[in-house]
Each structure stands twice: as structure tokens, then as C-alpha cells.
């Protein structure tokens, strides 16, 4: 039901010019013989974890690994069409996205391992503004960002979402904000970790699905509210740890 809901919603918005924030070229999924070895060691590890988790949730079948590799390789090729060339020694500014694509993996699980359905959804989703905040590889070396922003290697999620989270935290949860300040650790660091991993390893699967659906249906600012609500939920634990 969730897969169908977000699919229809995104399909409807991606057909409306006013809702399409990004322009995308035409890309046809390549029926390539995707071997796991063609992925980086980080991606290989991510694929293993995703498939293991998907089987644990009874969402994936035995041949799911090939399907996920197919999605990841095609996503990389599709997004590469909208990347600029930057010469830099920073590992985050190399040709390939340095981390693992947790968002595409989450959609793959939501679509029960259907690779064509996942890829079609991601291509339509990439036209919408919310994709810039939920799908981090979406703006890797992107032509949609100013050159100076790309060269700094700082993702908009950090200077937009994480910045607003810190501003809201001061107003909404001053004690939590003080606890972070005393620890010498910023809330934006942990939020960036949560957002990059789509809350994997932090929330249960149903909550991860709710997070993705809420942000898609109600807008990218709900990413900020979600993080604030998690901090509110953890407030007593955070204060207890600060005292200890």
C-alpha cells in the first residue's frame, strides 16, 4: 500500500511542470550484466546488509542481490548525466559518491525488490525538490548546484536541514542543546548521520517507511521536524548521559 501511495503521488507531481524543480534528461535502464565486483567495496558491503535486512523483513527473494546491484549501477549512470567535473583531492569529490546509497536501497525494499519499479520511481522522484534532501547521491557533483558549493564538498542537507535543526533545537529543546554544547559534539553531526543512512540502524523498518513517506508527501521540511521529534523523544536519556 505504501509503495503504491508514494508511487502515484510522485508520478502525479513529476508530470506537473510547476512541481518539477530539477530537469532530467531521458535515461533508459541499461540491461547490463551487473556483477557485484563492479561495485566499490563500500557498495558491496551495503548490498549484503540490505539483502540480509530485506530477507529478515520477508521483503526480498533469493535473487534480490542482482536486482539491487542493477538499481545501484543504473542510478549511478543516470545521475552521472547531471554531474559536473571537479578536480579535487577530497574523497567526497571523486567521480563516484563516497558512501552507500541508503535511500535507493530503502525504496528497493519498499518496492519488495522490484528493480524496474524502483528505478522508474527514482527517475521520477529525482525531478522533485524533496529528492535533494532525502536522496543524498542525487546532488553529488550536481550541475544544479553553484560551482563554489560543489567545490566545498558540503551537501545542502548539512547547511540547510542540519542548520535549521540546530536553530529549532535552541528554541524547542534548550536543555538538549546545552547538553550537546557541553559535550563538544554538535547535533548536526548526528543528524547528518541519521539522514544519510535514512535512519537505518536507528529506527525500526515501519518508522523508516513513515519518515520517507512523510517527507515525500508533506515536504522536505518534515525531515527537520522528524529529527527534532527524535531529540525530544531522547531528551531524558541525553540529559541522564550528560549528568553521568
C-alpha atoms as a PDB file:
ATOM      1  CA  UNK A   1       0.000   0.000   0.000  1.00  0.00           C
ATOM      2  CA  UNK A   2       2.814   2.413   0.922  1.00  0.00           C
ATOM      3  CA  UNK A   3       4.684   1.621  -2.321  1.00  0.00           C
ATOM      4  CA  UNK A   4       1.566   2.359  -4.368  1.00  0.00           C
ATOM      5  CA  UNK A   5       0.836   5.565  -2.440  1.00  0.00           C
ATOM      6  CA  UNK A   6       4.263   7.177  -2.889  1.00  0.00           C
ATOM      7  CA  UNK A   7       4.465   5.865  -6.465  1.00  0.00           C
ATOM      8  CA  UNK A   8       1.179   7.506  -7.511  1.00  0.00           C
ATOM      9  CA  UNK A   9       1.975  10.708  -5.608  1.00  0.00           C
ATOM     10  CA  UNK A  10       5.448  11.103  -7.162  1.00  0.00           C
ATOM     11  CA  UNK A  11       4.195  10.126 -10.633  1.00  0.00           C
ATOM     12  CA  UNK A  12       1.479  12.787 -10.400  1.00  0.00           C
ATOM     13  CA  UNK A  13       3.896  15.527  -9.238  1.00  0.00           C
ATOM     14  CA  UNK A  14       6.609  14.623 -11.760  1.00  0.00           C
ATOM     15  CA  UNK A  15       4.134  15.254 -14.590  1.00  0.00           C
ATOM     16  CA  UNK A  16       3.469  18.792 -13.364  1.00  0.00           C
ATOM     17  CA  UNK A  17       5.922  21.455 -14.549  1.00  0.00           C
ATOM     18  CA  UNK A  18       5.354  23.629 -11.503  1.00  0.00           C
ATOM     19  CA  UNK A  19       6.315  20.788  -9.162  1.00  0.00           C
ATOM     20  CA  UNK A  20       9.408  19.691 -11.114  1.00  0.00           C
ATOM     21  CA  UNK A  21      12.288  21.525  -9.503  1.00  0.00           C
ATOM     22  CA  UNK A  22      15.007  19.693 -11.447  1.00  0.00           C
ATOM     23  CA  UNK A  23      15.128  18.986 -15.151  1.00  0.00           C
ATOM     24  CA  UNK A  24      16.239  15.477 -16.059  1.00  0.00           C
ATOM     25  CA  UNK A  25      17.290  14.012 -19.376  1.00  0.00           C
ATOM     26  CA  UNK A  26      15.908  10.835 -20.840  1.00  0.00           C
ATOM     27  CA  UNK A  27      17.584   7.749 -19.470  1.00  0.00           C
ATOM     28  CA  UNK A  28      16.782   4.166 -20.323  1.00  0.00           C
ATOM     29  CA  UNK A  29      17.841   1.497 -17.879  1.00  0.00           C
ATOM     30  CA  UNK A  30      20.682  -0.488 -19.363  1.00  0.00           C
ATOM     31  CA  UNK A  31      20.248  -4.233 -19.348  1.00  0.00           C
ATOM     32  CA  UNK A  32      23.868  -4.774 -18.403  1.00  0.00           C
ATOM     33  CA  UNK A  33      25.362  -7.825 -16.813  1.00  0.00           C
ATOM     34  CA  UNK A  34      25.851  -6.198 -13.431  1.00  0.00           C
ATOM     35  CA  UNK A  35      28.390  -8.093 -11.455  1.00  0.00           C
ATOM     36  CA  UNK A  36      28.827  -7.374  -7.788  1.00  0.00           C
ATOM     37  CA  UNK A  37      32.560  -6.906  -8.391  1.00  0.00           C
ATOM     38  CA  UNK A  38      31.844  -3.785 -10.472  1.00  0.00           C
ATOM     39  CA  UNK A  39      30.718  -2.035  -7.275  1.00  0.00           C
ATOM     40  CA  UNK A  40      33.058  -0.464  -4.734  1.00  0.00           C
ATOM     41  CA  UNK A  41      33.864  -2.340  -1.504  1.00  0.00           C
ATOM     42  CA  UNK A  42      31.552   0.051   0.424  1.00  0.00           C
ATOM     43  CA  UNK A  43      28.703  -0.650  -2.014  1.00  0.00           C
ATOM     44  CA  UNK A  44      29.300  -4.409  -1.867  1.00  0.00           C
ATOM     45  CA  UNK A  45      29.056  -4.314   1.916  1.00  0.00           C
ATOM     46  CA  UNK A  46      25.910  -2.167   1.703  1.00  0.00           C
ATOM     47  CA  UNK A  47      24.302  -4.588  -0.763  1.00  0.00           C
ATOM     48  CA  UNK A  48      24.989  -7.533   1.574  1.00  0.00           C
ATOM     49  CA  UNK A  49      23.489  -5.656   4.544  1.00  0.00           C
ATOM     50  CA  UNK A  50      20.437  -4.525   2.561  1.00  0.00           C
ATOM     51  CA  UNK A  51      19.688  -8.006   1.212  1.00  0.00           C
ATOM     52  CA  UNK A  52      20.166  -9.558   4.662  1.00  0.00           C
ATOM     53  CA  UNK A  53      17.816  -6.975   6.208  1.00  0.00           C
ATOM     54  CA  UNK A  54      15.280  -7.380   3.373  1.00  0.00           C
ATOM     55  CA  UNK A  55      15.177 -11.146   3.834  1.00  0.00           C
ATOM     56  CA  UNK A  56      14.828 -10.710   7.603  1.00  0.00           C
ATOM     57  CA  UNK A  57      11.774  -8.489   6.913  1.00  0.00           C
ATOM     58  CA  UNK A  58      10.439 -11.049   4.376  1.00  0.00           C
ATOM     59  CA  UNK A  59      10.523  -8.417   1.629  1.00  0.00           C
ATOM     60  CA  UNK A  60      13.130  -9.940  -0.672  1.00  0.00           C
ATOM     61  CA  UNK A  61      13.594 -13.213  -2.536  1.00  0.00           C
ATOM     62  CA  UNK A  62      16.779 -15.188  -3.193  1.00  0.00           C
ATOM     63  CA  UNK A  63      17.848 -13.372  -6.394  1.00  0.00           C
ATOM     64  CA  UNK A  64      17.458  -9.904  -4.815  1.00  0.00           C
ATOM     65  CA  UNK A  65      21.196  -9.165  -4.804  1.00  0.00           C
ATOM     66  CA  UNK A  66      21.396  -8.926  -8.616  1.00  0.00           C
ATOM     67  CA  UNK A  67      18.315  -6.685  -8.691  1.00  0.00           C
ATOM     68  CA  UNK A  68      19.780  -4.277  -6.131  1.00  0.00           C
ATOM     69  CA  UNK A  69      23.145  -4.147  -7.956  1.00  0.00           C
ATOM     70  CA  UNK A  70      21.221  -3.384 -11.174  1.00  0.00           C
ATOM     71  CA  UNK A  71      19.412  -0.483  -9.458  1.00  0.00           C
ATOM     72  CA  UNK A  72      22.596   0.975  -7.910  1.00  0.00           C
ATOM     73  CA  UNK A  73      24.638   0.832 -11.134  1.00  0.00           C
ATOM     74  CA  UNK A  74      21.836   2.356 -13.206  1.00  0.00           C
ATOM     75  CA  UNK A  75      21.222   5.088 -10.607  1.00  0.00           C
ATOM     76  CA  UNK A  76      24.891   5.980 -10.755  1.00  0.00           C
ATOM     77  CA  UNK A  77      24.815   6.155 -14.581  1.00  0.00           C
ATOM     78  CA  UNK A  78      21.558   8.115 -14.571  1.00  0.00           C
ATOM     79  CA  UNK A  79      22.812  10.681 -12.025  1.00  0.00           C
ATOM     80  CA  UNK A  80      26.174  10.975 -13.790  1.00  0.00           C
ATOM     81  CA  UNK A  81      24.388  12.714 -16.681  1.00  0.00           C
ATOM     82  CA  UNK A  82      23.755  15.620 -14.308  1.00  0.00           C
ATOM     83  CA  UNK A  83      27.207  15.895 -12.733  1.00  0.00           C
ATOM     84  CA  UNK A  84      29.997  18.363 -13.371  1.00  0.00           C
ATOM     85  CA  UNK A  85      33.700  17.565 -13.396  1.00  0.00           C
ATOM     86  CA  UNK A  86      35.600  18.834 -10.359  1.00  0.00           C
ATOM     87  CA  UNK A  87      39.332  18.351  -9.856  1.00  0.00           C
ATOM     88  CA  UNK A  88      39.941  17.879  -6.146  1.00  0.00           C
ATOM     89  CA  UNK A  89      41.855  15.679  -3.728  1.00  0.00           C
ATOM     90  CA  UNK A  90      38.820  15.455  -1.414  1.00  0.00           C
ATOM     91  CA  UNK A  91      37.466  11.884  -1.358  1.00  0.00           C
ATOM     92  CA  UNK A  92      33.888  13.234  -1.310  1.00  0.00           C
ATOM     93  CA  UNK A  93      34.521  14.982  -4.639  1.00  0.00           C
ATOM     94  CA  UNK A  94      35.692  11.978  -6.622  1.00  0.00           C
ATOM     95  CA  UNK A  95      33.691  10.727  -9.602  1.00  0.00           C
ATOM     96  CA  UNK A  96      31.773   8.171  -7.526  1.00  0.00           C
ATOM     97  CA  UNK A  97      29.693   9.042  -4.463  1.00  0.00           C
ATOM     98  CA  UNK A  98      31.887   8.080  -1.490  1.00  0.00           C
ATOM     99  CA  UNK A  99      29.189   6.423   0.636  1.00  0.00           C
ATOM    100  CA  UNK A 100      26.439   3.876   0.116  1.00  0.00           C
ATOM    101  CA  UNK A 101      23.054   4.777  -1.376  1.00  0.00           C
ATOM    102  CA  UNK A 102      20.770   4.037   1.591  1.00  0.00           C
ATOM    103  CA  UNK A 103      17.778   5.855   0.093  1.00  0.00           C
ATOM    104  CA  UNK A 104      17.745   3.836  -3.155  1.00  0.00           C
ATOM    105  CA  UNK A 105      18.116   0.674  -1.033  1.00  0.00           C
ATOM    106  CA  UNK A 106      15.161   1.715   1.141  1.00  0.00           C
ATOM    107  CA  UNK A 107      12.987   2.273  -1.942  1.00  0.00           C
ATOM    108  CA  UNK A 108      14.122  -1.122  -3.284  1.00  0.00           C
ATOM    109  CA  UNK A 109      12.828  -2.731  -0.069  1.00  0.00           C
ATOM    110  CA  UNK A 110       9.588  -0.722  -0.127  1.00  0.00           C
ATOM    111  CA  UNK A 111       9.052  -1.961  -3.715  1.00  0.00           C
ATOM    112  CA  UNK A 112       9.682  -5.551  -2.496  1.00  0.00           C
ATOM    113  CA  UNK A 113      12.779  -5.956  -4.646  1.00  0.00           C
ATOM    114  CA  UNK A 114      11.153  -4.992  -7.971  1.00  0.00           C
ATOM    115  CA  UNK A 115      14.124  -3.424  -9.791  1.00  0.00           C
ATOM    116  CA  UNK A 116      12.221  -1.842 -12.727  1.00  0.00           C
ATOM    117  CA  UNK A 117       9.613  -0.341 -10.426  1.00  0.00           C
ATOM    118  CA  UNK A 118      12.333   1.020  -8.123  1.00  0.00           C
ATOM    119  CA  UNK A 119      14.285   2.603 -10.983  1.00  0.00           C
ATOM    120  CA  UNK A 120      11.169   4.181 -12.545  1.00  0.00           C
ATOM    121  CA  UNK A 121      10.217   5.650  -9.173  1.00  0.00           C
ATOM    122  CA  UNK A 122      13.719   7.063  -8.545  1.00  0.00           C
ATOM    123  CA  UNK A 123      13.868   8.670 -12.002  1.00  0.00           C
ATOM    124  CA  UNK A 124      10.528  10.412 -11.445  1.00  0.00           C
ATOM    125  CA  UNK A 125      11.414  11.280  -7.849  1.00  0.00           C
ATOM    126  CA  UNK A 126      14.695  12.916  -8.953  1.00  0.00           C
ATOM    127  CA  UNK A 127      12.688  15.753 -10.586  1.00  0.00           C
ATOM    128  CA  UNK A 128      11.240  16.874  -7.245  1.00  0.00           C
ATOM    129  CA  UNK A 129      12.868  19.230  -4.717  1.00  0.00           C
ATOM    130  CA  UNK A 130      12.489  16.719  -1.871  1.00  0.00           C
ATOM    131  CA  UNK A 131      14.927  14.386  -3.687  1.00  0.00           C
ATOM    132  CA  UNK A 132      17.750  16.836  -2.890  1.00  0.00           C
ATOM    133  CA  UNK A 133      17.235  16.226   0.829  1.00  0.00           C
ATOM    134  CA  UNK A 134      16.169  12.581   1.050  1.00  0.00           C
ATOM    135  CA  UNK A 135      18.435  11.092  -1.631  1.00  0.00           C
ATOM    136  CA  UNK A 136      21.951  12.369  -0.873  1.00  0.00           C
ATOM    137  CA  UNK A 137      23.730  10.981  -4.004  1.00  0.00           C
ATOM    138  CA  UNK A 138      21.164  12.974  -6.035  1.00  0.00           C
ATOM    139  CA  UNK A 139      23.200  16.188  -5.657  1.00  0.00           C
ATOM    140  CA  UNK A 140      26.686  14.635  -5.745  1.00  0.00           C
ATOM    141  CA  UNK A 141      28.762  16.946  -8.024  1.00  0.00           C
ATOM    142  CA  UNK A 142      25.427  18.189  -9.365  1.00  0.00           C
ATOM    143  CA  UNK A 143      25.100  20.746 -12.164  1.00  0.00           C
ATOM    144  CA  UNK A 144      22.057  22.001 -10.233  1.00  0.00           C
ATOM    145  CA  UNK A 145      24.327  23.443  -7.515  1.00  0.00           C
ATOM    146  CA  UNK A 146      26.583  26.518  -7.833  1.00  0.00           C
ATOM    147  CA  UNK A 147      30.205  25.598  -8.669  1.00  0.00           C
ATOM    148  CA  UNK A 148      31.502  27.049  -5.386  1.00  0.00           C
ATOM    149  CA  UNK A 149      29.057  24.908  -3.367  1.00  0.00           C
ATOM    150  CA  UNK A 150      30.168  21.774  -5.209  1.00  0.00           C
ATOM    151  CA  UNK A 151      33.865  22.581  -4.700  1.00  0.00           C
ATOM    152  CA  UNK A 152      33.443  22.922  -0.925  1.00  0.00           C
ATOM    153  CA  UNK A 153      32.105  19.358  -0.849  1.00  0.00           C
ATOM    154  CA  UNK A 154      29.407  20.226   1.710  1.00  0.00           C
ATOM    155  CA  UNK A 155      25.998  18.744   0.946  1.00  0.00           C
ATOM    156  CA  UNK A 156      22.906  21.039   1.121  1.00  0.00           C
ATOM    157  CA  UNK A 157      21.455  18.715   3.780  1.00  0.00           C
ATOM    158  CA  UNK A 158      24.222  19.953   6.084  1.00  0.00           C
ATOM    159  CA  UNK A 159      23.896  23.700   5.507  1.00  0.00           C
ATOM    160  CA  UNK A 160      20.090  23.632   5.097  1.00  0.00           C
ATOM    161  CA  UNK A 161      18.439  20.846   7.137  1.00  0.00           C
ATOM    162  CA  UNK A 162      21.113  20.418   9.831  1.00  0.00           C
ATOM    163  CA  UNK A 163      21.447  24.203  10.263  1.00  0.00           C
ATOM    164  CA  UNK A 164      17.688  24.582  10.786  1.00  0.00           C
ATOM    165  CA  UNK A 165      17.654  21.624  13.197  1.00  0.00           C
ATOM    166  CA  UNK A 166      20.210  23.397  15.395  1.00  0.00           C
ATOM    167  CA  UNK A 167      18.229  26.663  15.254  1.00  0.00           C
ATOM    168  CA  UNK A 168      14.988  24.888  16.207  1.00  0.00           C
ATOM    169  CA  UNK A 169      16.677  22.826  18.907  1.00  0.00           C
ATOM    170  CA  UNK A 170      17.759  26.025  20.711  1.00  0.00           C
ATOM    171  CA  UNK A 171      14.145  27.211  20.803  1.00  0.00           C
ATOM    172  CA  UNK A 172      12.319  23.908  21.361  1.00  0.00           C
ATOM    173  CA  UNK A 173      14.734  21.869  23.493  1.00  0.00           C
ATOM    174  CA  UNK A 174      17.230  24.238  25.171  1.00  0.00           C
ATOM    175  CA  UNK A 175      18.382  21.578  27.673  1.00  0.00           C
ATOM    176  CA  UNK A 176      19.258  19.119  24.899  1.00  0.00           C
ATOM    177  CA  UNK A 177      21.012  21.918  23.025  1.00  0.00           C
ATOM    178  CA  UNK A 178      23.090  22.743  26.139  1.00  0.00           C
ATOM    179  CA  UNK A 179      23.925  19.070  26.655  1.00  0.00           C
ATOM    180  CA  UNK A 180      25.342  18.872  23.135  1.00  0.00           C
ATOM    181  CA  UNK A 181      27.241  22.127  23.650  1.00  0.00           C
ATOM    182  CA  UNK A 182      28.836  20.783  26.846  1.00  0.00           C
ATOM    183  CA  UNK A 183      29.858  17.557  25.115  1.00  0.00           C
ATOM    184  CA  UNK A 184      31.646  19.431  22.340  1.00  0.00           C
ATOM    185  CA  UNK A 185      29.592  17.450  19.830  1.00  0.00           C
ATOM    186  CA  UNK A 186      27.102  19.168  17.511  1.00  0.00           C
ATOM    187  CA  UNK A 187      23.519  17.947  16.899  1.00  0.00           C
ATOM    188  CA  UNK A 188      24.079  18.492  13.168  1.00  0.00           C
ATOM    189  CA  UNK A 189      26.741  15.759  13.116  1.00  0.00           C
ATOM    190  CA  UNK A 190      24.398  13.064  14.440  1.00  0.00           C
ATOM    191  CA  UNK A 191      21.505  14.372  12.275  1.00  0.00           C
ATOM    192  CA  UNK A 192      23.635  14.163   9.151  1.00  0.00           C
ATOM    193  CA  UNK A 193      24.407  10.542  10.084  1.00  0.00           C
ATOM    194  CA  UNK A 194      20.705   9.763  10.594  1.00  0.00           C
ATOM    195  CA  UNK A 195      19.646  11.450   7.341  1.00  0.00           C
ATOM    196  CA  UNK A 196      22.461   9.932   5.244  1.00  0.00           C
ATOM    197  CA  UNK A 197      21.510   6.442   6.441  1.00  0.00           C
ATOM    198  CA  UNK A 198      17.732   7.091   6.179  1.00  0.00           C
ATOM    199  CA  UNK A 199      17.641   6.271   9.923  1.00  0.00           C
ATOM    200  CA  UNK A 200      18.790   2.691   9.251  1.00  0.00           C
ATOM    201  CA  UNK A 201      20.180   1.137  12.435  1.00  0.00           C
ATOM    202  CA  UNK A 202      18.350   3.811  14.467  1.00  0.00           C
ATOM    203  CA  UNK A 203      14.654   3.168  13.762  1.00  0.00           C
ATOM    204  CA  UNK A 204      12.500   0.135  13.045  1.00  0.00           C
ATOM    205  CA  UNK A 205      11.567  -0.529   9.410  1.00  0.00           C
ATOM    206  CA  UNK A 206       7.983   0.759   9.779  1.00  0.00           C
ATOM    207  CA  UNK A 207       9.328   4.041  11.206  1.00  0.00           C
ATOM    208  CA  UNK A 208      11.854   4.363   8.364  1.00  0.00           C
ATOM    209  CA  UNK A 209       8.956   3.943   5.911  1.00  0.00           C
ATOM    210  CA  UNK A 210       6.976   6.616   7.794  1.00  0.00           C
ATOM    211  CA  UNK A 211       9.955   9.003   7.645  1.00  0.00           C
ATOM    212  CA  UNK A 212      10.332   8.588   3.869  1.00  0.00           C
ATOM    213  CA  UNK A 213       6.581   8.831   3.211  1.00  0.00           C
ATOM    214  CA  UNK A 214       6.069  11.890   5.451  1.00  0.00           C
ATOM    215  CA  UNK A 215       8.903  13.813   3.747  1.00  0.00           C
ATOM    216  CA  UNK A 216       7.670  12.885   0.256  1.00  0.00           C
ATOM    217  CA  UNK A 217       4.002  13.683   0.959  1.00  0.00           C
ATOM    218  CA  UNK A 218       4.367  16.743   3.195  1.00  0.00           C
ATOM    219  CA  UNK A 219       7.669  18.263   2.044  1.00  0.00           C
ATOM    220  CA  UNK A 220      11.400  18.273   2.875  1.00  0.00           C
ATOM    221  CA  UNK A 221      10.945  20.492   5.960  1.00  0.00           C
ATOM    222  CA  UNK A 222       9.461  17.444   7.715  1.00  0.00           C
ATOM    223  CA  UNK A 223      12.976  15.997   7.725  1.00  0.00           C
ATOM    224  CA  UNK A 224      13.824  18.757  10.214  1.00  0.00           C
ATOM    225  CA  UNK A 225      10.722  18.178  12.348  1.00  0.00           C
ATOM    226  CA  UNK A 226      11.431  14.440  12.414  1.00  0.00           C
ATOM    227  CA  UNK A 227      14.932  14.988  13.808  1.00  0.00           C
ATOM    228  CA  UNK A 228      13.623  17.449  16.418  1.00  0.00           C
ATOM    229  CA  UNK A 229      10.957  14.936  17.489  1.00  0.00           C
ATOM    230  CA  UNK A 230      13.637  12.225  17.868  1.00  0.00           C
ATOM    231  CA  UNK A 231      15.670  14.564  20.095  1.00  0.00           C
ATOM    232  CA  UNK A 232      12.520  15.282  22.125  1.00  0.00           C
ATOM    233  CA  UNK A 233      11.915  11.547  22.476  1.00  0.00           C
ATOM    234  CA  UNK A 234      15.530  11.027  23.614  1.00  0.00           C
ATOM    235  CA  UNK A 235      15.671  14.102  25.867  1.00  0.00           C
ATOM    236  CA  UNK A 236      15.672  12.259  29.215  1.00  0.00           C
ATOM    237  CA  UNK A 237      18.358   9.799  28.036  1.00  0.00           C
ATOM    238  CA  UNK A 238      20.525  12.613  26.689  1.00  0.00           C
ATOM    239  CA  UNK A 239      20.272  14.570  29.968  1.00  0.00           C
ATOM    240  CA  UNK A 240      20.991  11.427  32.015  1.00  0.00           C
ATOM    241  CA  UNK A 241      24.138  10.742  29.954  1.00  0.00           C
ATOM    242  CA  UNK A 242      25.220  14.370  30.362  1.00  0.00           C
ATOM    243  CA  UNK A 243      24.980  14.099  34.154  1.00  0.00           C
ATOM    244  CA  UNK A 244      26.899  10.825  34.110  1.00  0.00           C
END
